[in-house]
Structures are given as structure tokens and as C-alpha cells.
Amino acid sequence: MSATTAEPTSTDELSQLRGRIDELDAEIIRLWRERAQTSKRIGEIRMANGGTRLVLDRERAILDKYRDALGEDGTQIAMLVLRSGRGPL
């Protein structure tokens, strides 16, 4: 007996689910780009007003939020999200 107990699904359902994954991926990419642009603009404004390039308390809060929501993988995802907005350190 196999480890999975789910009933077999039709190829139509698989096609629909894969289509939904494609839609979700497109939305994730769109949101990723929007977030990165917003983050870059925040950094520009902060530095133009004499602030620092990074606000470590803010980054720590974002890391915590992702870890709390997604577990340990969330920390790695948050690091990628942060990097996309500020660039590598």
C-alpha cells in the first residue's frame, strides 16, 4: 500500500490545479516586484532625510513575522524578500 491515501484524480483536475499554480505564481511575482520597488523608495526617502541605509529593528520585525507565519523556512524567504528591496549587504 502506498503512503498516500488520496483518491486518484482526473487529468482535468490536474490541469486546473496547475493552471491555478500558474496564476498564483504570476501574482507572487507581481507582488514581489511591487514590494521591492516600494522598499527601494522607502530607502531613498530615508537616506535623503539623513537616515541610515538599513533599519535593523524593522528588518528583525520582518524576519520574525515571516518565521512566525511560515516556520524556519520563513526566515530564508524573508531574507530574500529583504534583499530584493535593498540589495545585497
PDB file of N, CA and C in Angstrom:
ATOM      1  N   MET A   1       0.843  -1.182   0.000  1.00  0.00           N
ATOM      2  CA  MET A   1       0.000   0.000   0.000  1.00  0.00           C
ATOM      3  C   MET A   1       0.884   1.240   0.000  1.00  0.00           C
ATOM      4  N   SER A   2       0.523   2.280  -0.779  1.00  0.00           N
ATOM      5  CA  SER A   2       1.336   3.487  -0.863  1.00  0.00           C
ATOM      6  C   SER A   2       1.102   4.376   0.345  1.00  0.00           C
ATOM      7  N   ALA A   3       2.012   5.325   0.547  1.00  0.00           N
ATOM      8  CA  ALA A   3       1.936   6.230   1.683  1.00  0.00           C
ATOM      9  C   ALA A   3       0.793   7.220   1.535  1.00  0.00           C
ATOM     10  N   THR A   4       0.379   7.505   0.314  1.00  0.00           N
ATOM     11  CA  THR A   4      -0.712   8.448   0.120  1.00  0.00           C
ATOM     12  C   THR A   4      -2.022   7.698   0.030  1.00  0.00           C
ATOM     13  N   THR A   5      -3.052   8.275   0.609  1.00  0.00           N
ATOM     14  CA  THR A   5      -4.358   7.621   0.600  1.00  0.00           C
ATOM     15  C   THR A   5      -5.378   8.427  -0.195  1.00  0.00           C
ATOM     16  N   ALA A   6      -4.919   9.475  -0.868  1.00  0.00           N
ATOM     17  CA  ALA A   6      -5.834  10.299  -1.656  1.00  0.00           C
ATOM     18  C   ALA A   6      -6.366   9.498  -2.837  1.00  0.00           C
ATOM     19  N   GLU A   7      -7.588   9.818  -3.210  1.00  0.00           N
ATOM     20  CA  GLU A   7      -8.186   9.156  -4.359  1.00  0.00           C
ATOM     21  C   GLU A   7      -7.523   9.644  -5.640  1.00  0.00           C
ATOM     22  N   PRO A   8      -7.482   8.808  -6.635  1.00  0.00           N
ATOM     23  CA  PRO A   8      -6.929   9.236  -7.923  1.00  0.00           C
ATOM     24  C   PRO A   8      -7.732  10.422  -8.465  1.00  0.00           C
ATOM     25  N   THR A   9      -7.045  11.319  -9.137  1.00  0.00           N
ATOM     26  CA  THR A   9      -7.724  12.489  -9.690  1.00  0.00           C
ATOM     27  C   THR A   9      -7.667  12.443 -11.202  1.00  0.00           C
ATOM     28  N   SER A  10      -8.556  13.182 -11.799  1.00  0.00           N
ATOM     29  CA  SER A  10      -8.603  13.211 -13.252  1.00  0.00           C
ATOM     30  C   SER A  10      -7.530  14.132 -13.801  1.00  0.00           C
ATOM     31  N   THR A  11      -7.207  13.935 -15.060  1.00  0.00           N
ATOM     32  CA  THR A  11      -6.239  14.822 -15.702  1.00  0.00           C
ATOM     33  C   THR A  11      -6.812  16.225 -15.839  1.00  0.00           C
ATOM     34  N   ASP A  12      -8.149  16.353 -15.920  1.00  0.00           N
ATOM     35  CA  ASP A  12      -8.781  17.673 -15.961  1.00  0.00           C
ATOM     36  C   ASP A  12      -8.506  18.429 -14.665  1.00  0.00           C
ATOM     37  N   GLU A  13      -8.645  17.747 -13.554  1.00  0.00           N
ATOM     38  CA  GLU A  13      -8.391  18.396 -12.265  1.00  0.00           C
ATOM     39  C   GLU A  13      -6.922  18.791 -12.147  1.00  0.00           C
ATOM     40  N   LEU A  14      -6.024  17.912 -12.571  1.00  0.00           N
ATOM     41  CA  LEU A  14      -4.601  18.237 -12.536  1.00  0.00           C
ATOM     42  C   LEU A  14      -4.311  19.469 -13.379  1.00  0.00           C
ATOM     43  N   SER A  15      -4.914  19.526 -14.547  1.00  0.00           N
ATOM     44  CA  SER A  15      -4.718  20.673 -15.430  1.00  0.00           C
ATOM     45  C   SER A  15      -5.236  21.950 -14.774  1.00  0.00           C
ATOM     46  N   GLN A  16      -6.396  21.880 -14.138  1.00  0.00           N
ATOM     47  CA  GLN A  16      -6.962  23.040 -13.452  1.00  0.00           C
ATOM     48  C   GLN A  16      -6.062  23.482 -12.290  1.00  0.00           C
ATOM     49  N   LEU A  17      -5.593  22.520 -11.536  1.00  0.00           N
ATOM     50  CA  LEU A  17      -4.731  22.849 -10.392  1.00  0.00           C
ATOM     51  C   LEU A  17      -3.414  23.456 -10.859  1.00  0.00           C
ATOM     52  N   ARG A  18      -2.851  22.934 -11.927  1.00  0.00           N
ATOM     53  CA  ARG A  18      -1.614  23.505 -12.466  1.00  0.00           C
ATOM     54  C   ARG A  18      -1.859  24.923 -12.999  1.00  0.00           C
ATOM     55  N   GLY A  19      -3.007  25.138 -13.599  1.00  0.00           N
ATOM     56  CA  GLY A  19      -3.369  26.479 -14.050  1.00  0.00           C
ATOM     57  C   GLY A  19      -3.469  27.442 -12.881  1.00  0.00           C
ATOM     58  N   ARG A  20      -4.035  26.968 -11.786  1.00  0.00           N
ATOM     59  CA  ARG A  20      -4.144  27.804 -10.588  1.00  0.00           C
ATOM     60  C   ARG A  20      -2.762  28.119 -10.023  1.00  0.00           C
ATOM     61  N   ILE A  21      -1.878  27.138 -10.010  1.00  0.00           N
ATOM     62  CA  ILE A  21      -0.499  27.374  -9.569  1.00  0.00           C
ATOM     63  C   ILE A  21       0.143  28.451 -10.435  1.00  0.00           C
ATOM     64  N   ASP A  22      -0.049  28.387 -11.739  1.00  0.00           N
ATOM     65  CA  ASP A  22       0.499  29.403 -12.646  1.00  0.00           C
ATOM     66  C   ASP A  22      -0.037  30.789 -12.312  1.00  0.00           C
ATOM     67  N   GLU A  23      -1.338  30.882 -12.014  1.00  0.00           N
ATOM     68  CA  GLU A  23      -1.939  32.162 -11.625  1.00  0.00           C
ATOM     69  C   GLU A  23      -1.337  32.677 -10.329  1.00  0.00           C
ATOM     70  N   LEU A  24      -1.197  31.791  -9.352  1.00  0.00           N
ATOM     71  CA  LEU A  24      -0.619  32.173  -8.065  1.00  0.00           C
ATOM     72  C   LEU A  24       0.830  32.625  -8.223  1.00  0.00           C
ATOM     73  N   ASP A  25       1.593  31.902  -9.033  1.00  0.00           N
ATOM     74  CA  ASP A  25       2.985  32.291  -9.282  1.00  0.00           C
ATOM     75  C   ASP A  25       3.070  33.676  -9.904  1.00  0.00           C
ATOM     76  N   ALA A  26       2.194  33.955 -10.867  1.00  0.00           N
ATOM     77  CA  ALA A  26       2.197  35.278 -11.501  1.00  0.00           C
ATOM     78  C   ALA A  26       1.889  36.365 -10.476  1.00  0.00           C
ATOM     79  N   GLU A  27       0.958  36.101  -9.588  1.00  0.00           N
ATOM     80  CA  GLU A  27       0.606  37.085  -8.555  1.00  0.00           C
ATOM     81  C   GLU A  27       1.746  37.266  -7.553  1.00  0.00           C
ATOM     82  N   ILE A  28       2.389  36.179  -7.165  1.00  0.00           N
ATOM     83  CA  ILE A  28       3.536  36.268  -6.256  1.00  0.00           C
ATOM     84  C   ILE A  28       4.639  37.115  -6.891  1.00  0.00           C
ATOM     85  N   ILE A  29       4.919  36.881  -8.156  1.00  0.00           N
ATOM     86  CA  ILE A  29       5.956  37.653  -8.867  1.00  0.00           C
ATOM     87  C   ILE A  29       5.574  39.124  -8.927  1.00  0.00           C
ATOM     88  N   ARG A  30       4.305  39.413  -9.233  1.00  0.00           N
ATOM     89  CA  ARG A  30       3.852  40.802  -9.290  1.00  0.00           C
ATOM     90  C   ARG A  30       4.008  41.472  -7.931  1.00  0.00           C
ATOM     91  N   LEU A  31       3.576  40.801  -6.876  1.00  0.00           N
ATOM     92  CA  LEU A  31       3.690  41.354  -5.528  1.00  0.00           C
ATOM     93  C   LEU A  31       5.144  41.510  -5.101  1.00  0.00           C
ATOM     94  N   TRP A  32       5.981  40.544  -5.464  1.00  0.00           N
ATOM     95  CA  TRP A  32       7.412  40.607  -5.140  1.00  0.00           C
ATOM     96  C   TRP A  32       8.029  41.875  -5.734  1.00  0.00           C
ATOM     97  N   ARG A  33       7.740  42.103  -7.011  1.00  0.00           N
ATOM     98  CA  ARG A  33       8.287  43.285  -7.693  1.00  0.00           C
ATOM     99  C   ARG A  33       7.755  44.572  -7.076  1.00  0.00           C
ATOM    100  N   GLU A  34       6.477  44.607  -6.764  1.00  0.00           N
ATOM    101  CA  GLU A  34       5.894  45.802  -6.150  1.00  0.00           C
ATOM    102  C   GLU A  34       6.519  46.065  -4.785  1.00  0.00           C
ATOM    103  N   ARG A  35       6.704  45.007  -4.005  1.00  0.00           N
ATOM    104  CA  ARG A  35       7.298  45.169  -2.684  1.00  0.00           C
ATOM    105  C   ARG A  35       8.727  45.685  -2.795  1.00  0.00           C
ATOM    106  N   ALA A  36       9.495  45.124  -3.729  1.00  0.00           N
ATOM    107  CA  ALA A  36      10.884  45.552  -3.904  1.00  0.00           C
ATOM    108  C   ALA A  36      10.953  47.028  -4.295  1.00  0.00           C
ATOM    109  N   GLN A  37      10.094  47.463  -5.203  1.00  0.00           N
ATOM    110  CA  GLN A  37      10.079  48.870  -5.614  1.00  0.00           C
ATOM    111  C   GLN A  37       9.702  49.770  -4.449  1.00  0.00           C
ATOM    112  N   THR A  38       8.714  49.357  -3.674  1.00  0.00           N
ATOM    113  CA  THR A  38       8.279  50.143  -2.521  1.00  0.00           C
ATOM    114  C   THR A  38       9.394  50.241  -1.488  1.00  0.00           C
ATOM    115  N   SER A  39      10.055  49.133  -1.238  1.00  0.00           N
ATOM    116  CA  SER A  39      11.151  49.113  -0.279  1.00  0.00           C
ATOM    117  C   SER A  39      12.307  50.009  -0.731  1.00  0.00           C
ATOM    118  N   LYS A  40      12.638  49.953  -2.011  1.00  0.00           N
ATOM    119  CA  LYS A  40      13.706  50.808  -2.543  1.00  0.00           C
ATOM    120  C   LYS A  40      13.355  52.278  -2.381  1.00  0.00           C
ATOM    121  N   ARG A  41      12.097  52.620  -2.639  1.00  0.00           N
ATOM    122  CA  ARG A  41      11.671  54.010  -2.494  1.00  0.00           C
ATOM    123  C   ARG A  41      11.745  54.463  -1.042  1.00  0.00           C
ATOM    124  N   ILE A  42      11.357  53.603  -0.125  1.00  0.00           N
ATOM    125  CA  ILE A  42      11.469  53.927   1.298  1.00  0.00           C
ATOM    126  C   ILE A  42      12.920  54.208   1.646  1.00  0.00           C
ATOM    127  N   GLY A  43      13.840  53.369   1.164  1.00  0.00           N
ATOM    128  CA  GLY A  43      15.263  53.573   1.424  1.00  0.00           C
ATOM    129  C   GLY A  43      15.768  54.890   0.868  1.00  0.00           C
ATOM    130  N   GLU A  44      15.314  55.241  -0.331  1.00  0.00           N
ATOM    131  CA  GLU A  44      15.715  56.518  -0.931  1.00  0.00           C
ATOM    132  C   GLU A  44      15.253  57.690  -0.076  1.00  0.00           C
ATOM    133  N   ILE A  45      14.006  57.639   0.355  1.00  0.00           N
ATOM    134  CA  ILE A  45      13.455  58.717   1.179  1.00  0.00           C
ATOM    135  C   ILE A  45      14.186  58.797   2.515  1.00  0.00           C
ATOM    136  N   ARG A  46      14.413  57.651   3.131  1.00  0.00           N
ATOM    137  CA  ARG A  46      15.094  57.614   4.427  1.00  0.00           C
ATOM    138  C   ARG A  46      16.497  58.199   4.316  1.00  0.00           C
ATOM    139  N   MET A  47      17.239  57.802   3.292  1.00  0.00           N
ATOM    140  CA  MET A  47      18.616  58.291   3.143  1.00  0.00           C
ATOM    141  C   MET A  47      18.641  59.772   2.757  1.00  0.00           C
ATOM    142  N   ALA A  48      17.676  60.227   1.960  1.00  0.00           N
ATOM    143  CA  ALA A  48      17.606  61.644   1.594  1.00  0.00           C
ATOM    144  C   ALA A  48      17.341  62.523   2.808  1.00  0.00           C
ATOM    145  N   ASN A  49      16.739  61.945   3.828  1.00  0.00           N
ATOM    146  CA  ASN A  49      16.449  62.672   5.058  1.00  0.00           C
ATOM    147  C   ASN A  49      17.488  62.416   6.147  1.00  0.00           C
ATOM    148  N   GLY A  50      18.644  61.897   5.740  1.00  0.00           N
ATOM    149  CA  GLY A  50      19.746  61.700   6.680  1.00  0.00           C
ATOM    150  C   GLY A  50      19.714  60.393   7.456  1.00  0.00           C
ATOM    151  N   GLY A  51      18.819  59.515   7.096  1.00  0.00           N
ATOM    152  CA  GLY A  51      18.726  58.233   7.785  1.00  0.00           C
ATOM    153  C   GLY A  51      19.747  57.231   7.284  1.00  0.00           C
ATOM    154  N   THR A  52      19.753  56.096   7.899  1.00  0.00           N
ATOM    155  CA  THR A  52      20.670  55.015   7.525  1.00  0.00           C
ATOM    156  C   THR A  52      20.086  54.187   6.385  1.00  0.00           C
ATOM    157  N   ARG A  53      20.948  53.447   5.728  1.00  0.00           N
ATOM    158  CA  ARG A  53      20.512  52.571   4.630  1.00  0.00           C
ATOM    159  C   ARG A  53      19.591  51.481   5.155  1.00  0.00           C
ATOM    160  N   LEU A  54      19.918  50.952   6.328  1.00  0.00           N
ATOM    161  CA  LEU A  54      19.139  49.873   6.922  1.00  0.00           C
ATOM    162  C   LEU A  54      18.592  50.293   8.277  1.00  0.00           C
ATOM    163  N   VAL A  55      17.424  49.753   8.609  1.00  0.00           N
ATOM    164  CA  VAL A  55      16.856  49.903   9.939  1.00  0.00           C
ATOM    165  C   VAL A  55      16.740  48.481  10.493  1.00  0.00           C
ATOM    166  N   LEU A  56      17.714  48.130  11.318  1.00  0.00           N
ATOM    167  CA  LEU A  56      17.815  46.741  11.770  1.00  0.00           C
ATOM    168  C   LEU A  56      16.600  46.288  12.565  1.00  0.00           C
ATOM    169  N   ASP A  57      16.012  47.170  13.379  1.00  0.00           N
ATOM    170  CA  ASP A  57      14.815  46.780  14.126  1.00  0.00           C
ATOM    171  C   ASP A  57      13.674  46.415  13.176  1.00  0.00           C
ATOM    172  N   ARG A  58      13.544  47.163  12.103  1.00  0.00           N
ATOM    173  CA  ARG A  58      12.499  46.888  11.116  1.00  0.00           C
ATOM    174  C   ARG A  58      12.766  45.556  10.415  1.00  0.00           C
ATOM    175  N   GLU A  59      14.012  45.325  10.028  1.00  0.00           N
ATOM    176  CA  GLU A  59      14.346  44.056   9.375  1.00  0.00           C
ATOM    177  C   GLU A  59      14.117  42.878  10.321  1.00  0.00           C
ATOM    178  N   ARG A  60      14.468  43.041  11.572  1.00  0.00           N
ATOM    179  CA  ARG A  60      14.258  41.973  12.560  1.00  0.00           C
ATOM    180  C   ARG A  60      12.768  41.676  12.704  1.00  0.00           C
ATOM    181  N   ALA A  61      11.933  42.719  12.722  1.00  0.00           N
ATOM    182  CA  ALA A  61      10.484  42.518  12.842  1.00  0.00           C
ATOM    183  C   ALA A  61       9.935  41.762  11.630  1.00  0.00           C
ATOM    184  N   ILE A  62      10.454  42.077  10.446  1.00  0.00           N
ATOM    185  CA  ILE A  62      10.019  41.372   9.236  1.00  0.00           C
ATOM    186  C   ILE A  62      10.454  39.909   9.286  1.00  0.00           C
ATOM    187  N   LEU A  63      11.691  39.672   9.694  1.00  0.00           N
ATOM    188  CA  LEU A  63      12.171  38.292   9.827  1.00  0.00           C
ATOM    189  C   LEU A  63      11.296  37.511  10.805  1.00  0.00           C
ATOM    190  N   ASP A  64      10.986  38.126  11.938  1.00  0.00           N
ATOM    191  CA  ASP A  64      10.149  37.462  12.948  1.00  0.00           C
ATOM    192  C   ASP A  64       8.761  37.154  12.398  1.00  0.00           C
ATOM    193  N   LYS A  65       8.200  38.115  11.663  1.00  0.00           N
ATOM    194  CA  LYS A  65       6.850  37.933  11.111  1.00  0.00           C
ATOM    195  C   LYS A  65       6.814  36.735  10.155  1.00  0.00           C
ATOM    196  N   TYR A  66       7.802  36.641   9.272  1.00  0.00           N
ATOM    197  CA  TYR A  66       7.844  35.528   8.316  1.00  0.00           C
ATOM    198  C   TYR A  66       8.106  34.195   9.025  1.00  0.00           C
ATOM    199  N   ARG A  67       9.006  34.202  10.006  1.00  0.00           N
ATOM    200  CA  ARG A  67       9.293  32.968  10.737  1.00  0.00           C
ATOM    201  C   ARG A  67       8.060  32.500  11.507  1.00  0.00           C
ATOM    202  N   ASP A  68       7.374  33.442  12.154  1.00  0.00           N
ATOM    203  CA  ASP A  68       6.176  33.075  12.910  1.00  0.00           C
ATOM    204  C   ASP A  68       5.089  32.508  12.005  1.00  0.00           C
ATOM    205  N   ALA A  69       4.954  33.069  10.806  1.00  0.00           N
ATOM    206  CA  ALA A  69       3.901  32.630   9.889  1.00  0.00           C
ATOM    207  C   ALA A  69       4.259  31.356   9.138  1.00  0.00           C
ATOM    208  N   LEU A  70       5.564  31.172   8.818  1.00  0.00           N
ATOM    209  CA  LEU A  70       5.955  30.095   7.912  1.00  0.00           C
ATOM    210  C   LEU A  70       6.968  29.113   8.486  1.00  0.00           C
ATOM    211  N   GLY A  71       7.346  29.295   9.722  1.00  0.00           N
ATOM    212  CA  GLY A  71       8.348  28.411  10.314  1.00  0.00           C
ATOM    213  C   GLY A  71       9.746  28.830   9.902  1.00  0.00           C
ATOM    214  N   GLU A  72      10.694  27.937  10.093  1.00  0.00           N
ATOM    215  CA  GLU A  72      12.095  28.267   9.823  1.00  0.00           C
ATOM    216  C   GLU A  72      12.348  28.643   8.362  1.00  0.00           C
ATOM    217  N   ASP A  73      11.619  28.034   7.436  1.00  0.00           N
ATOM    218  CA  ASP A  73      11.766  28.426   6.028  1.00  0.00           C
ATOM    219  C   ASP A  73      11.383  29.886   5.820  1.00  0.00           C
ATOM    220  N   GLY A  74      10.490  30.388   6.665  1.00  0.00           N
ATOM    221  CA  GLY A  74      10.080  31.778   6.571  1.00  0.00           C
ATOM    222  C   GLY A  74      11.236  32.745   6.726  1.00  0.00           C
ATOM    223  N   THR A  75      12.206  32.383   7.557  1.00  0.00           N
ATOM    224  CA  THR A  75      13.373  33.240   7.751  1.00  0.00           C
ATOM    225  C   THR A  75      14.143  33.386   6.448  1.00  0.00           C
ATOM    226  N   GLN A  76      14.333  32.286   5.744  1.00  0.00           N
ATOM    227  CA  GLN A  76      15.049  32.345   4.467  1.00  0.00           C
ATOM    228  C   GLN A  76      14.263  33.123   3.425  1.00  0.00           C
ATOM    229  N   ILE A  77      12.953  32.936   3.410  1.00  0.00           N
ATOM    230  CA  ILE A  77      12.121  33.687   2.475  1.00  0.00           C
ATOM    231  C   ILE A  77      12.215  35.174   2.789  1.00  0.00           C
ATOM    232  N   ALA A  78      12.135  35.532   4.069  1.00  0.00           N
ATOM    233  CA  ALA A  78      12.225  36.936   4.475  1.00  0.00           C
ATOM    234  C   ALA A  78      13.557  37.543   4.066  1.00  0.00           C
ATOM    235  N   MET A  79      14.631  36.793   4.199  1.00  0.00           N
ATOM    236  CA  MET A  79      15.942  37.315   3.795  1.00  0.00           C
ATOM    237  C   MET A  79      15.955  37.632   2.301  1.00  0.00           C
ATOM    238  N   LEU A  80      15.363  36.778   1.493  1.00  0.00           N
ATOM    239  CA  LEU A  80      15.287  37.031   0.054  1.00  0.00           C
ATOM    240  C   LEU A  80      14.412  38.243  -0.246  1.00  0.00           C
ATOM    241  N   VAL A  81      13.300  38.353   0.456  1.00  0.00           N
ATOM    242  CA  VAL A  81      12.401  39.490   0.272  1.00  0.00           C
ATOM    243  C   VAL A  81      13.125  40.783   0.638  1.00  0.00           C
ATOM    244  N   LEU A  82      13.806  40.788   1.773  1.00  0.00           N
ATOM    245  CA  LEU A  82      14.536  41.979   2.202  1.00  0.00           C
ATOM    246  C   LEU A  82      15.623  42.334   1.200  1.00  0.00           C
ATOM    247  N   ARG A  83      16.332  41.348   0.761  1.00  0.00           N
ATOM    248  CA  ARG A  83      17.431  41.592  -0.204  1.00  0.00           C
ATOM    249  C   ARG A  83      16.896  42.174  -1.504  1.00  0.00           C
ATOM    250  N   SER A  84      15.729  41.724  -1.939  1.00  0.00           N
ATOM    251  CA  SER A  84      15.192  42.224  -3.204  1.00  0.00           C
ATOM    252  C   SER A  84      14.886  43.713  -3.128  1.00  0.00           C
ATOM    253  N   GLY A  85      14.642  44.228  -1.938  1.00  0.00           N
ATOM    254  CA  GLY A  85      14.327  45.631  -1.784  1.00  0.00           C
ATOM    255  C   GLY A  85      15.505  46.513  -1.481  1.00  0.00           C
ATOM    256  N   ARG A  86      16.539  45.952  -0.903  1.00  0.00           N
ATOM    257  CA  ARG A  86      17.691  46.773  -0.513  1.00  0.00           C
ATOM    258  C   ARG A  86      18.977  46.378  -1.199  1.00  0.00           C
ATOM    259  N   GLY A  87      18.985  45.252  -1.851  1.00  0.00           N
ATOM    260  CA  GLY A  87      20.217  44.759  -2.464  1.00  0.00           C
ATOM    261  C   GLY A  87      21.035  43.977  -1.462  1.00  0.00           C
ATOM    262  N   PRO A  88      22.118  43.346  -1.921  1.00  0.00           N
ATOM    263  CA  PRO A  88      22.969  42.579  -1.006  1.00  0.00           C
ATOM    264  C   PRO A  88      23.716  43.513  -0.066  1.00  0.00           C
ATOM    265  N   LEU A  89      24.050  42.994   1.078  1.00  0.00           N
ATOM    266  CA  LEU A  89      24.820  43.807   2.048  1.00  0.00           C
ATOM    267  C   LEU A  89      26.284  43.755   1.748  1.00  0.00           C
TER     268      LEU A  89
END
